[in-house]
Amino acid sequence: MGKIVREKSTEARSIKILQISATDNRGGAASVAWHLHRQYSRLGMQSHMLVGQKYSQDENVHVLDSEKARSPWSRFFGAQA
């Protein structure tokens, strides 16, 4: 069974977490991910979220620009639809 960390120990600060979600704090699964992110941060862990749409002001939530990630061909044919 996993060890539960209740205070900001050196061990907790060394843990780095990246969660990927469509949004940061809107919707069912995103809301759960948001609450986990906030709790990890409170425990002293380095928690970050990578999202498609950001609604919070949290500096550890980062937006993935999906348009830049698409290939030029995909962008071209997507615009034609």
Protein backbone atom coordinates (compact mmCIF):
# COMPACT_ATOMS: atom_id res chain seq x y z
CA MET A 1 0.00 0.00 0.00
CA GLY A 2 1.23 3.53 -0.77
CA LYS A 3 2.58 5.87 1.88
CA ILE A 4 0.34 8.85 2.69
CA VAL A 5 2.25 12.14 3.02
CA ARG A 6 0.47 14.62 5.29
CA GLU A 7 3.06 17.39 5.55
CA LYS A 8 5.45 19.20 3.26
CA SER A 9 8.41 16.89 3.63
CA THR A 10 11.54 16.75 1.51
CA GLU A 11 10.14 13.56 0.02
CA ALA A 12 6.91 15.31 -1.05
CA ARG A 13 8.79 18.22 -2.67
CA SER A 14 10.75 15.79 -4.84
CA ILE A 15 7.57 14.36 -6.37
CA LYS A 16 6.67 15.93 -9.73
CA ILE A 17 3.18 15.43 -11.16
CA LEU A 18 1.81 16.35 -14.59
CA GLN A 19 -1.90 15.86 -15.25
CA ILE A 20 -3.33 16.23 -18.75
CA SER A 21 -6.97 17.27 -19.14
CA ALA A 22 -9.28 19.02 -21.60
CA THR A 23 -9.91 21.84 -19.09
CA ASP A 24 -8.56 22.75 -15.68
CA ASN A 25 -11.63 23.09 -13.47
CA ARG A 26 -14.80 22.71 -15.56
CA GLY A 27 -16.59 19.43 -16.08
CA GLY A 28 -16.66 16.15 -14.19
CA ALA A 29 -13.27 14.56 -14.82
CA ALA A 30 -11.55 17.94 -15.11
CA SER A 31 -12.97 18.95 -11.74
CA VAL A 32 -11.54 15.82 -10.14
CA ALA A 33 -8.15 16.49 -11.78
CA TRP A 34 -8.30 20.10 -10.53
CA HIS A 35 -8.98 19.04 -6.94
CA LEU A 36 -6.15 16.50 -7.08
CA HIS A 37 -3.81 19.16 -8.48
CA ARG A 38 -4.68 21.58 -5.66
CA GLN A 39 -4.26 18.90 -2.98
CA TYR A 40 -0.91 17.76 -4.39
CA SER A 41 0.26 21.39 -4.32
CA ARG A 42 -0.91 21.84 -0.71
CA LEU A 43 1.12 18.77 0.24
CA GLY A 44 4.23 20.37 -1.26
CA MET A 45 4.41 18.30 -4.45
CA GLN A 46 5.33 19.93 -7.75
CA SER A 47 1.96 19.58 -9.47
CA HIS A 48 1.24 20.92 -12.96
CA MET A 49 -1.68 20.57 -15.36
CA LEU A 50 -1.54 20.63 -19.16
CA VAL A 51 -4.95 21.59 -20.55
CA GLY A 52 -6.72 22.47 -23.79
CA GLN A 53 -8.69 25.30 -22.16
CA LYS A 54 -7.66 27.18 -19.04
CA TYR A 55 -10.22 28.89 -16.80
CA SER A 56 -8.22 29.36 -13.59
CA GLN A 57 -5.46 31.83 -12.79
CA ASP A 58 -3.20 29.06 -11.43
CA GLU A 59 0.37 29.58 -12.66
CA ASN A 60 0.95 25.82 -12.67
CA VAL A 61 -1.78 25.23 -15.24
CA HIS A 62 -0.39 25.40 -18.78
CA VAL A 63 -2.32 25.51 -22.07
CA LEU A 64 -1.38 23.16 -24.88
CA ASP A 65 -1.93 24.95 -28.18
CA SER A 66 -3.38 22.05 -30.15
CA GLU A 67 -3.37 24.00 -33.42
CA LYS A 68 0.43 24.26 -33.32
CA ALA A 69 0.70 20.55 -32.55
CA ARG A 70 -1.22 19.59 -35.71
CA SER A 71 0.64 18.95 -38.93
CA PRO A 72 0.34 21.49 -41.80
CA TRP A 73 -1.64 18.92 -43.84
CA SER A 74 -4.05 18.33 -40.99
CA ARG A 75 -4.60 22.08 -40.57
CA PHE A 76 -5.13 22.48 -44.34
CA PHE A 77 -7.67 19.68 -44.66
CA GLY A 78 -9.38 20.65 -41.39
CA ALA A 79 -9.96 24.15 -42.78
CA GLN A 80 -11.54 22.68 -45.91
CA ALA A 81 -14.30 20.88 -43.97
